[in-house]
């Protein structure tokens, strides 16, 4: 649910012109330049109004908030989506978190950190990898719609500033994609962003790849590129997404990084401790100074 102020502001959003609206005669000012200026003014107005509104965060760092499971859906062979809705009667509280931050999900007999891949003012969507054996995975398999769970957070110190880099290289394996995916979404869906995103994610096989539909949708944006690296050979594909039968190794990194300028690029890494350590070392050897590792 959105507040009346939010609805009013969203209704005022400058409509995006279509290609047909442009005459193609290089007129000054171009309709797209005018729209970009109006959109920037609208974003500033929206941000100012949000800061002036006395909203409180539904999430807390030191105590749990109650959520209800709205939906559970399969994402891949070994992962699921869980959609949560906050149980709160507070009208002046909404969910605040930055893309890439994580929360702690408390279950009946286990607690574990997960990174929300999407959220609204009252809800969270989590991508959760299920392991063959594990206390948290066993608890999650028993969950069903309308069950109660508890969440606290958000945690994580990464905060991206729009247009602060020319390129962002995202490197992940397995469930590490959950940390970088919402950051990619926030960038490509921002019409004021000129930053290009190159996402490279590794998985055991094509059936283990989550977010297939979401990655296909992101590939429609001019500033998004994605490569899926599979350990097991596959002929399957996703429209607009590169699929290669290779691990994320030094040779692949050498090839990718050779096309980027260190000072204008940000590198984001998320995976197992061993993956993080190896990739961080390679990035330092290549003298790319801007690097953040999600641990």
Foldseek 3Di string as FASTA:
>chain_A
DDDPVVVVLVVPQDDDDDPVVFPPPCDPPTPNVVNLVSNVVSVVVVVVVVVVQQAAEQAAAPDKFKWFWADWADFFPFKIKTKIFTDDPDPRYFHDDAQLWWKWKAFPPDIDIFAFLDDDRTMTMTIGGADPDDDVNVRVVPDDGGDMIIIHDGDDDDDDDAPQFQEEEEEEEQSQVSRCNSVLVVQQVDPNHNHAYEYEYEYQAPRRDGCLVVLLVSLVGPRYAYEYEHCDDDPDDRPSHHYYPHDPDLVVVVVVCVVDDLVRYAYEYEYDPVRQVVVVVSCVVVVNPHYDYDD
